[in-house]
C-alpha atoms as a PDB file:
ATOM      1  CA  MET A   1     -33.402  24.056  41.831  1.00  0.00           C
ATOM      2  CA  GLY A   2     -35.174  25.993  39.084  1.00  0.00           C
ATOM      3  CA  GLU A   3     -38.504  26.320  40.894  1.00  0.00           C
ATOM      4  CA  PHE A   4     -39.322  25.976  44.580  1.00  0.00           C
ATOM      5  CA  LEU A   5     -42.926  24.703  44.823  1.00  0.00           C
ATOM      6  CA  ILE A   6     -45.050  24.483  47.943  1.00  0.00           C
ATOM      7  CA  SER A   7     -45.885  20.846  48.531  1.00  0.00           C
ATOM      8  CA  SER A   8     -48.905  19.464  46.692  1.00  0.00           C
ATOM      9  CA  TYR A   9     -49.644  17.638  49.946  1.00  0.00           C
ATOM     10  CA  LEU A  10     -50.822  20.912  51.497  1.00  0.00           C
ATOM     11  CA  TYR A  11     -52.728  22.078  48.422  1.00  0.00           C
ATOM     12  CA  GLU A  12     -54.721  18.859  48.083  1.00  0.00           C
ATOM     13  CA  ARG A  13     -55.980  19.206  51.645  1.00  0.00           C
ATOM     14  CA  LEU A  14     -56.653  22.943  51.510  1.00  0.00           C
ATOM     15  CA  GLY A  15     -58.329  22.844  48.092  1.00  0.00           C
ATOM     16  CA  PHE A  16     -55.874  25.107  46.256  1.00  0.00           C
ATOM     17  CA  ASN A  17     -54.992  24.679  42.585  1.00  0.00           C
ATOM     18  CA  LEU A  18     -52.481  27.513  42.646  1.00  0.00           C
ATOM     19  CA  LYS A  19     -48.710  26.984  42.467  1.00  0.00           C
ATOM     20  CA  ILE A  20     -46.022  29.333  43.694  1.00  0.00           C
ATOM     21  CA  ASN A  21     -43.284  29.321  41.079  1.00  0.00           C
ATOM     22  CA  LYS A  22     -40.925  31.953  42.452  1.00  0.00           C
ATOM     23  CA  LYS A  23     -38.102  30.506  44.457  1.00  0.00           C
ATOM     24  CA  LYS A  24     -37.344  33.824  46.201  1.00  0.00           C
ATOM     25  CA  MET A  25     -40.886  34.164  47.518  1.00  0.00           C
ATOM     26  CA  SER A  26     -40.901  30.580  48.820  1.00  0.00           C
ATOM     27  CA  SER A  27     -37.533  31.075  50.527  1.00  0.00           C
ATOM     28  CA  ILE A  28     -38.734  34.223  52.317  1.00  0.00           C
ATOM     29  CA  VAL A  29     -41.895  32.489  53.541  1.00  0.00           C
ATOM     30  CA  LEU A  30     -39.839  29.522  54.740  1.00  0.00           C
ATOM     31  CA  GLY A  31     -37.376  31.894  56.390  1.00  0.00           C
ATOM     32  CA  PHE A  32     -40.104  33.433  58.569  1.00  0.00           C
ATOM     33  CA  LEU A  33     -41.523  29.993  59.338  1.00  0.00           C
ATOM     34  CA  ILE A  34     -38.120  28.712  60.409  1.00  0.00           C
ATOM     35  CA  MET A  35     -37.553  31.821  62.539  1.00  0.00           C
ATOM     36  CA  GLY A  36     -40.712  30.948  64.482  1.00  0.00           C
ATOM     37  CA  ILE A  37     -39.674  27.306  64.762  1.00  0.00           C
ATOM     38  CA  ALA A  38     -36.208  28.253  66.007  1.00  0.00           C
ATOM     39  CA  PHE A  39     -37.712  30.556  68.630  1.00  0.00           C
ATOM     40  CA  VAL A  40     -39.843  27.793  70.181  1.00  0.00           C
ATOM     41  CA  MET A  41     -37.433  24.882  69.742  1.00  0.00           C
ATOM     42  CA  THR A  42     -34.351  26.683  71.089  1.00  0.00           C
ATOM     43  CA  MET A  43     -36.183  27.091  74.390  1.00  0.00           C
ATOM     44  CA  THR A  44     -36.189  23.294  74.809  1.00  0.00           C
ATOM     45  CA  GLY A  45     -32.547  22.660  73.869  1.00  0.00           C
ATOM     46  CA  ARG A  46     -33.375  20.968  70.572  1.00  0.00           C
ATOM     47  CA  GLY A  47     -32.694  23.767  68.129  1.00  0.00           C
ATOM     48  CA  GLY A  48     -35.664  22.851  65.905  1.00  0.00           C
ATOM     49  CA  GLY A  49     -34.114  20.396  63.455  1.00  0.00           C
ATOM     50  CA  ASN A  50     -37.143  18.101  63.477  1.00  0.00           C
ATOM     51  CA  PHE A  51     -39.571  20.902  62.595  1.00  0.00           C
ATOM     52  CA  TYR A  52     -37.159  22.329  60.022  1.00  0.00           C
ATOM     53  CA  MET A  53     -37.359  18.929  58.369  1.00  0.00           C
ATOM     54  CA  LEU A  54     -41.157  19.017  58.374  1.00  0.00           C
ATOM     55  CA  ALA A  55     -41.235  22.489  56.819  1.00  0.00           C
ATOM     56  CA  LEU A  56     -38.629  21.660  54.187  1.00  0.00           C
ATOM     57  CA  VAL A  57     -40.104  18.291  53.174  1.00  0.00           C
ATOM     58  CA  LEU A  58     -43.633  19.696  52.963  1.00  0.00           C
ATOM     59  CA  SER A  59     -42.317  22.594  50.870  1.00  0.00           C
ATOM     60  CA  GLY A  60     -41.213  20.176  48.166  1.00  0.00           C
ATOM     61  CA  LEU A  61     -37.577  19.265  48.909  1.00  0.00           C
ATOM     62  CA  ASP A  62     -36.610  15.602  48.753  1.00  0.00           C
ATOM     63  CA  MET A  63     -35.550  13.978  52.040  1.00  0.00           C
ATOM     64  CA  ASN A  64     -31.773  14.101  51.499  1.00  0.00           C
ATOM     65  CA  MET A  65     -31.722  17.745  50.363  1.00  0.00           C
ATOM     66  CA  ALA A  66     -34.070  18.698  53.194  1.00  0.00           C
ATOM     67  CA  ALA A  67     -31.795  16.922  55.680  1.00  0.00           C
ATOM     68  CA  SER A  68     -28.657  18.783  54.566  1.00  0.00           C
ATOM     69  CA  THR A  69     -30.476  22.134  54.483  1.00  0.00           C
ATOM     70  CA  GLY A  70     -32.042  21.496  57.877  1.00  0.00           C
ATOM     71  CA  GLN A  71     -28.681  20.590  59.400  1.00  0.00           C
ATOM     72  CA  PHE A  72     -27.085  23.805  58.113  1.00  0.00           C
ATOM     73  CA  VAL A  73     -29.895  25.994  59.453  1.00  0.00           C
ATOM     74  CA  LEU A  74     -29.819  24.093  62.738  1.00  0.00           C
ATOM     75  CA  MET A  75     -26.067  24.607  62.993  1.00  0.00           C
ATOM     76  CA  CYS A  76     -26.493  28.379  62.633  1.00  0.00           C
ATOM     77  CA  SER A  77     -29.441  28.793  65.012  1.00  0.00           C
ATOM     78  CA  SER A  78     -28.080  26.520  67.748  1.00  0.00           C
ATOM     79  CA  LEU A  79     -24.656  28.177  67.634  1.00  0.00           C
ATOM     80  CA  MET A  80     -26.281  31.537  68.345  1.00  0.00           C
ATOM     81  CA  ALA A  81     -28.263  30.074  71.267  1.00  0.00           C
ATOM     82  CA  ALA A  82     -25.239  28.171  72.637  1.00  0.00           C
ATOM     83  CA  ILE A  83     -23.239  31.404  72.877  1.00  0.00           C
ATOM     84  CA  LEU A  84     -25.986  33.070  74.917  1.00  0.00           C
ATOM     85  CA  PHE A  85     -26.478  30.038  77.188  1.00  0.00           C
ATOM     86  CA  SER A  86     -22.734  29.786  77.847  1.00  0.00           C
ATOM     87  CA  LYS A  87     -22.609  33.397  78.992  1.00  0.00           C
ATOM     88  CA  GLN A  88     -25.300  32.539  81.583  1.00  0.00           C
ATOM     89  CA  LYS A  89     -23.404  29.396  82.729  1.00  0.00           C
ATOM     90  CA  MET A  90     -26.184  27.107  81.504  1.00  0.00           C
ATOM     91  CA  ASN A  91     -23.668  24.792  79.849  1.00  0.00           C
ATOM     92  CA  HIS A  92     -21.822  21.947  81.611  1.00  0.00           C
ATOM     93  CA  TRP A  93     -18.547  21.865  79.666  1.00  0.00           C
ATOM     94  CA  LYS A  94     -17.241  18.545  81.013  1.00  0.00           C
ATOM     95  CA  LEU A  95     -20.503  16.838  80.132  1.00  0.00           C
ATOM     96  CA  THR A  96     -20.472  18.594  76.755  1.00  0.00           C
ATOM     97  CA  LEU A  97     -16.976  17.298  76.022  1.00  0.00           C
ATOM     98  CA  LEU A  98     -17.861  13.748  77.044  1.00  0.00           C
ATOM     99  CA  LEU A  99     -21.054  13.559  75.002  1.00  0.00           C
ATOM    100  CA  GLY A 100     -19.891  15.865  72.207  1.00  0.00           C
ATOM    101  CA  CYS A 101     -17.101  13.591  70.981  1.00  0.00           C
ATOM    102  CA  LEU A 102     -19.541  10.700  70.638  1.00  0.00           C
ATOM    103  CA  VAL A 103     -22.219  12.831  68.965  1.00  0.00           C
ATOM    104  CA  PHE A 104     -19.850  14.426  66.455  1.00  0.00           C
ATOM    105  CA  VAL A 105     -18.463  11.155  65.079  1.00  0.00           C
ATOM    106  CA  SER A 106     -21.797   9.308  64.990  1.00  0.00           C
ATOM    107  CA  ALA A 107     -23.696  12.261  63.450  1.00  0.00           C
ATOM    108  CA  MET A 108     -21.144  12.638  60.669  1.00  0.00           C
ATOM    109  CA  ALA A 109     -21.453   8.933  59.893  1.00  0.00           C
ATOM    110  CA  GLY A 110     -25.246   9.191  59.892  1.00  0.00           C
ATOM    111  CA  GLY A 111     -25.178  12.238  57.616  1.00  0.00           C
ATOM    112  CA  TYR A 112     -23.083  10.394  55.053  1.00  0.00           C
ATOM    113  CA  TRP A 113     -24.880   7.031  55.157  1.00  0.00           C
ATOM    114  CA  GLY A 114     -28.353   8.587  55.069  1.00  0.00           C
ATOM    115  CA  GLN A 115     -28.205   8.686  51.250  1.00  0.00           C
ATOM    116  CA  TYR A 116     -28.332   4.869  51.128  1.00  0.00           C
ATOM    117  CA  PHE A 117     -31.623   4.582  53.015  1.00  0.00           C
ATOM    118  CA  ASP A 118     -35.091   4.684  51.479  1.00  0.00           C
ATOM    119  CA  GLU A 119     -36.848   8.035  51.954  1.00  0.00           C
ATOM    120  CA  LYS A 120     -39.916   6.437  53.557  1.00  0.00           C
ATOM    121  CA  VAL A 121     -37.704   4.557  55.999  1.00  0.00           C
ATOM    122  CA  LEU A 122     -36.065   7.840  57.027  1.00  0.00           C
ATOM    123  CA  LYS A 123     -39.451   9.466  57.602  1.00  0.00           C
ATOM    124  CA  PHE A 124     -40.637   6.528  59.699  1.00  0.00           C
ATOM    125  CA  ILE A 125     -37.459   6.604  61.828  1.00  0.00           C
ATOM    126  CA  PHE A 126     -37.934  10.348  62.270  1.00  0.00           C
ATOM    127  CA  ALA A 127     -41.482   9.885  63.588  1.00  0.00           C
ATOM    128  CA  ILE A 128     -40.576   7.061  65.976  1.00  0.00           C
ATOM    129  CA  VAL A 129     -37.617   8.992  67.414  1.00  0.00           C
ATOM    130  CA  MET A 130     -39.818  12.018  68.108  1.00  0.00           C
ATOM    131  CA  PHE A 131     -42.571   9.982  69.771  1.00  0.00           C
ATOM    132  CA  VAL A 132     -40.239   8.017  72.064  1.00  0.00           C
ATOM    133  CA  ALA A 133     -38.481  11.229  73.134  1.00  0.00           C
ATOM    134  CA  ALA A 134     -41.824  12.827  74.053  1.00  0.00           C
ATOM    135  CA  VAL A 135     -42.831   9.847  76.186  1.00  0.00           C
ATOM    136  CA  CYS A 136     -39.466   9.868  77.960  1.00  0.00           C
ATOM    137  CA  MET A 137     -39.824  13.541  78.893  1.00  0.00           C
ATOM    138  CA  LEU A 138     -43.066  12.844  80.782  1.00  0.00           C
ATOM    139  CA  LYS A 139     -41.419  10.249  83.039  1.00  0.00           C
ATOM    140  CA  LYS A 140     -39.971  11.073  86.432  1.00  0.00           C
ATOM    141  CA  PRO A 141     -36.165  10.847  86.822  1.00  0.00           C
ATOM    142  CA  LYS A 142     -34.816   7.658  88.351  1.00  0.00           C
ATOM    143  CA  HIS A 143     -32.597   7.603  91.395  1.00  0.00           C
ATOM    144  CA  GLN A 144     -28.944   8.107  90.619  1.00  0.00           C
ATOM    145  CA  VAL A 145     -26.609   5.110  90.519  1.00  0.00           C
ATOM    146  CA  LYS A 146     -24.121   4.913  93.370  1.00  0.00           C
ATOM    147  CA  SER A 147     -20.929   6.790  92.545  1.00  0.00           C
ATOM    148  CA  ASP A 148     -18.709   3.812  93.410  1.00  0.00           C
ATOM    149  CA  HIS A 149     -20.191   1.804  90.534  1.00  0.00           C
ATOM    150  CA  LYS A 150     -17.581   0.626  88.011  1.00  0.00           C
ATOM    151  CA  TRP A 151     -19.129   2.365  84.988  1.00  0.00           C
ATOM    152  CA  VAL A 152     -20.215   5.598  86.664  1.00  0.00           C
ATOM    153  CA  VAL A 153     -18.315   8.852  86.072  1.00  0.00           C
ATOM    154  CA  LEU A 154     -18.778  11.669  88.581  1.00  0.00           C
ATOM    155  CA  LEU A 155     -18.758  15.198  87.114  1.00  0.00           C
ATOM    156  CA  ARG A 156     -18.693  18.438  89.127  1.00  0.00           C
ATOM    157  CA  SER A 157     -19.447  21.937  87.869  1.00  0.00           C
ATOM    158  CA  ASN A 158     -20.575  25.203  89.510  1.00  0.00           C
ATOM    159  CA  GLY A 159     -20.944  23.457  92.865  1.00  0.00           C
ATOM    160  CA  GLU A 160     -23.205  20.670  91.518  1.00  0.00           C
ATOM    161  CA  GLU A 161     -22.570  16.946  90.938  1.00  0.00           C
ATOM    162  CA  TYR A 162     -23.793  14.768  88.053  1.00  0.00           C
ATOM    163  CA  GLN A 163     -23.344  11.021  87.695  1.00  0.00           C
ATOM    164  CA  VAL A 164     -22.952   9.553  84.197  1.00  0.00           C
ATOM    165  CA  ASN A 165     -23.517   5.816  83.748  1.00  0.00           C
ATOM    166  CA  LEU A 166     -21.371   4.981  80.710  1.00  0.00           C
ATOM    167  CA  LEU A 167     -23.176   1.692  80.029  1.00  0.00           C
ATOM    168  CA  ILE A 168     -26.382   3.651  79.453  1.00  0.00           C
ATOM    169  CA  THR A 169     -25.032   6.919  78.087  1.00  0.00           C
ATOM    170  CA  VAL A 170     -22.523   5.780  75.438  1.00  0.00           C
ATOM    171  CA  PRO A 171     -24.826   3.447  73.417  1.00  0.00           C
ATOM    172  CA  ILE A 172     -27.750   5.905  73.521  1.00  0.00           C
ATOM    173  CA  VAL A 173     -25.612   8.885  72.489  1.00  0.00           C
ATOM    174  CA  LEU A 174     -23.988   6.961  69.613  1.00  0.00           C
ATOM    175  CA  LEU A 175     -27.383   5.834  68.305  1.00  0.00           C
ATOM    176  CA  THR A 176     -28.880   9.288  68.813  1.00  0.00           C
ATOM    177  CA  GLY A 177     -26.038  11.001  66.977  1.00  0.00           C
ATOM    178  CA  PHE A 178     -26.224   8.565  64.060  1.00  0.00           C
ATOM    179  CA  LEU A 179     -29.993   8.898  63.660  1.00  0.00           C
ATOM    180  CA  SER A 180     -29.942  12.689  64.020  1.00  0.00           C
ATOM    181  CA  GLY A 181     -27.270  12.992  61.338  1.00  0.00           C
ATOM    182  CA  MET A 182     -29.018  10.526  59.028  1.00  0.00           C
ATOM    183  CA  VAL A 183     -32.527  11.958  59.339  1.00  0.00           C
ATOM    184  CA  GLY A 184     -31.482  15.597  59.638  1.00  0.00           C
ATOM    185  CA  VAL A 185     -32.880  16.306  63.115  1.00  0.00           C
ATOM    186  CA  SER A 186     -31.236  17.597  66.257  1.00  0.00           C
ATOM    187  CA  GLY A 187     -29.715  15.182  68.760  1.00  0.00           C
ATOM    188  CA  GLY A 188     -31.337  17.194  71.546  1.00  0.00           C
ATOM    189  CA  SER A 189     -34.526  15.205  70.968  1.00  0.00           C
ATOM    190  CA  PHE A 190     -32.926  12.434  73.007  1.00  0.00           C
ATOM    191  CA  LEU A 191     -30.065  14.202  74.770  1.00  0.00           C
ATOM    192  CA  VAL A 192     -32.317  16.344  76.975  1.00  0.00           C
ATOM    193  CA  PRO A 193     -34.374  13.347  78.222  1.00  0.00           C
ATOM    194  CA  LEU A 194     -31.125  11.405  78.708  1.00  0.00           C
ATOM    195  CA  MET A 195     -29.641  14.079  80.972  1.00  0.00           C
ATOM    196  CA  LEU A 196     -32.865  14.557  82.921  1.00  0.00           C
ATOM    197  CA  LEU A 197     -33.728  10.887  83.434  1.00  0.00           C
ATOM    198  CA  THR A 198     -30.325   9.262  83.992  1.00  0.00           C
ATOM    199  CA  MET A 199     -28.180  12.097  85.404  1.00  0.00           C
ATOM    200  CA  ASN A 200     -30.712  14.326  87.217  1.00  0.00           C
ATOM    201  CA  VAL A 201     -29.316  17.387  85.432  1.00  0.00           C
ATOM    202  CA  PRO A 202     -31.498  20.511  86.011  1.00  0.00           C
ATOM    203  CA  MET A 203     -33.692  21.458  83.038  1.00  0.00           C
ATOM    204  CA  HIS A 204     -31.936  24.766  82.321  1.00  0.00           C
ATOM    205  CA  VAL A 205     -28.488  23.117  82.407  1.00  0.00           C
ATOM    206  CA  ALA A 206     -29.782  20.285  80.205  1.00  0.00           C
ATOM    207  CA  VAL A 207     -31.103  22.832  77.699  1.00  0.00           C
ATOM    208  CA  GLY A 208     -27.828  24.774  77.611  1.00  0.00           C
ATOM    209  CA  THR A 209     -25.642  21.669  77.374  1.00  0.00           C
ATOM    210  CA  SER A 210     -27.888  20.063  74.766  1.00  0.00           C
ATOM    211  CA  THR A 211     -27.830  23.211  72.637  1.00  0.00           C
ATOM    212  CA  THR A 212     -24.034  23.077  72.461  1.00  0.00           C
ATOM    213  CA  LEU A 213     -24.193  19.373  71.608  1.00  0.00           C
ATOM    214  CA  VAL A 214     -26.831  20.065  68.958  1.00  0.00           C
ATOM    215  CA  THR A 215     -24.436  22.557  67.372  1.00  0.00           C
ATOM    216  CA  LEU A 216     -21.765  19.853  67.161  1.00  0.00           C
ATOM    217  CA  SER A 217     -24.227  17.240  65.918  1.00  0.00           C
ATOM    218  CA  ALA A 218     -25.679  19.561  63.266  1.00  0.00           C
ATOM    219  CA  THR A 219     -22.207  20.571  62.074  1.00  0.00           C
ATOM    220  CA  ALA A 220     -21.109  16.944  61.773  1.00  0.00           C
ATOM    221  CA  GLY A 221     -24.347  15.886  60.085  1.00  0.00           C
ATOM    222  CA  PHE A 222     -24.131  18.787  57.644  1.00  0.00           C
ATOM    223  CA  LEU A 223     -20.533  17.917  56.731  1.00  0.00           C
ATOM    224  CA  GLY A 224     -21.610  14.338  56.095  1.00  0.00           C
ATOM    225  CA  HIS A 225     -24.425  15.443  53.766  1.00  0.00           C
ATOM    226  CA  LEU A 226     -22.124  17.981  52.103  1.00  0.00           C
ATOM    227  CA  GLY A 227     -19.636  15.210  51.407  1.00  0.00           C
ATOM    228  CA  ALA A 228     -22.434  13.237  49.767  1.00  0.00           C
ATOM    229  CA  GLY A 229     -23.218  16.220  47.508  1.00  0.00           C
ATOM    230  CA  PHE A 230     -26.596  17.297  48.943  1.00  0.00           C
ATOM    231  CA  PHE A 231     -26.573  21.093  49.417  1.00  0.00           C
ATOM    232  CA  ASP A 232     -27.716  24.278  47.649  1.00  0.00           C
ATOM    233  CA  PHE A 233     -26.449  27.464  49.327  1.00  0.00           C
ATOM    234  CA  SER A 234     -28.577  29.749  47.138  1.00  0.00           C
ATOM    235  CA  THR A 235     -31.685  28.215  48.713  1.00  0.00           C
ATOM    236  CA  VAL A 236     -30.481  27.969  52.298  1.00  0.00           C
ATOM    237  CA  TRP A 237     -29.113  31.419  53.156  1.00  0.00           C
ATOM    238  CA  PRO A 238     -32.500  33.146  53.818  1.00  0.00           C
ATOM    239  CA  LEU A 239     -33.458  30.177  55.978  1.00  0.00           C
ATOM    240  CA  ALA A 240     -30.212  30.414  57.943  1.00  0.00           C
ATOM    241  CA  VAL A 241     -30.852  34.099  58.694  1.00  0.00           C
ATOM    242  CA  GLY A 242     -34.324  33.240  59.996  1.00  0.00           C
ATOM    243  CA  GLY A 243     -32.865  30.453  62.130  1.00  0.00           C
ATOM    244  CA  ILE A 244     -30.234  32.738  63.676  1.00  0.00           C
ATOM    245  CA  ILE A 245     -32.787  35.405  64.620  1.00  0.00           C
ATOM    246  CA  GLY A 246     -35.186  32.823  66.030  1.00  0.00           C
ATOM    247  CA  GLY A 247     -32.402  31.088  67.950  1.00  0.00           C
ATOM    248  CA  PHE A 248     -31.392  34.371  69.576  1.00  0.00           C
ATOM    249  CA  MET A 249     -34.938  35.232  70.669  1.00  0.00           C
ATOM    250  CA  GLY A 250     -35.647  31.683  71.861  1.00  0.00           C
ATOM    251  CA  ALA A 251     -32.510  31.597  73.999  1.00  0.00           C
ATOM    252  CA  LYS A 252     -33.468  34.905  75.613  1.00  0.00           C
ATOM    253  CA  MET A 253     -36.937  33.565  76.422  1.00  0.00           C
ATOM    254  CA  ALA A 254     -35.571  30.278  77.821  1.00  0.00           C
ATOM    255  CA  LEU A 255     -33.519  32.208  80.378  1.00  0.00           C
ATOM    256  CA  LYS A 256     -36.769  33.666  81.766  1.00  0.00           C
ATOM    257  CA  SER A 257     -38.894  30.483  81.657  1.00  0.00           C
ATOM    258  CA  LYS A 258     -39.657  27.997  84.439  1.00  0.00           C
ATOM    259  CA  PRO A 259     -38.084  24.492  84.079  1.00  0.00           C
ATOM    260  CA  LYS A 260     -41.501  22.796  84.322  1.00  0.00           C
ATOM    261  CA  ASN A 261     -42.857  24.858  81.426  1.00  0.00           C
ATOM    262  CA  LEU A 262     -39.814  24.049  79.285  1.00  0.00           C
ATOM    263  CA  LYS A 263     -40.296  20.342  79.960  1.00  0.00           C
ATOM    264  CA  TYR A 264     -43.941  20.354  78.892  1.00  0.00           C
ATOM    265  CA  LEU A 265     -43.097  22.435  75.838  1.00  0.00           C
ATOM    266  CA  PHE A 266     -40.467  19.882  74.859  1.00  0.00           C
ATOM    267  CA  ALA A 267     -42.849  16.925  75.169  1.00  0.00           C
ATOM    268  CA  GLY A 268     -45.703  18.686  73.393  1.00  0.00           C
ATOM    269  CA  THR A 269     -43.697  19.730  70.362  1.00  0.00           C
ATOM    270  CA  GLN A 270     -42.266  16.216  70.086  1.00  0.00           C
ATOM    271  CA  PHE A 271     -45.725  14.665  69.908  1.00  0.00           C
ATOM    272  CA  VAL A 272     -46.790  17.166  67.253  1.00  0.00           C
ATOM    273  CA  ALA A 273     -43.717  16.475  65.121  1.00  0.00           C
ATOM    274  CA  SER A 274     -44.152  12.694  65.191  1.00  0.00           C
ATOM    275  CA  VAL A 275     -47.863  12.818  64.364  1.00  0.00           C
ATOM    276  CA  ILE A 276     -47.441  15.234  61.440  1.00  0.00           C
ATOM    277  CA  MET A 277     -44.667  13.152  59.901  1.00  0.00           C
ATOM    278  CA  LEU A 278     -46.672   9.921  60.203  1.00  0.00           C
ATOM    279  CA  ILE A 279     -49.653  11.588  58.523  1.00  0.00           C
ATOM    280  CA  ASP A 280     -47.416  12.774  55.693  1.00  0.00           C
ATOM    281  CA  LEU A 281     -45.826   9.328  55.382  1.00  0.00           C
ATOM    282  CA  PHE A 282     -49.059   7.351  55.054  1.00  0.00           C
ATOM    283  CA  ASN A 283     -50.782   9.865  52.764  1.00  0.00           C
END
């Protein structure tokens, strides 16, 4: 891109007639913004892909370029957080392996096929996904299915047991991975509620496991977009640095936070993301 302009959407509402024509200045501003986003979103196990998308789209990037850039930044920030969470045993590796294989394949497919969808359709899907995830987080977990059920897999780790109903988990994870790769958001938006509501996984373990899965999903989604030809490294590197720093600080803060606070933070940021995108879509 020759010039990186701040979205006219923001200027019309704030009454500015000024344009920022220097790409370097815009990238630095976005880098700090993304660092703040990564800090908050990493605490909830989502990585921040949905808010990266908001920042990038409102800064002037088209949906496909914003999706590929967002996936790359998300990949970097979530990888940093996943390393820290793993050291604190906040990651369930068997659950990660089970869900990760499904997420990786479906996210790569979504990243590639996203180019064939209308930009407004992608924005609408983005908003709906965020809103549904927020509602799910405010619900109380259901009772676990009996372990002798035909489609239930029993996982054990660090002295704890988790029951995975494959009839519920597999379809949701495949759909989640595909949508996250296509729209350019993190799969954690649905993976955290899935683990809490259907498996009774503790919030901190859900955050750590989801962060690892988000890393896989973001990597697969980015590779799909890269294969479609949507990426500009000269624009993305300052944003990636901001994401890495924010991911590190957010992971450190998550280790000190109460599960209840993390849950409310997750739901609140989801509502905000869906509302902002709907406003942008219909204006």
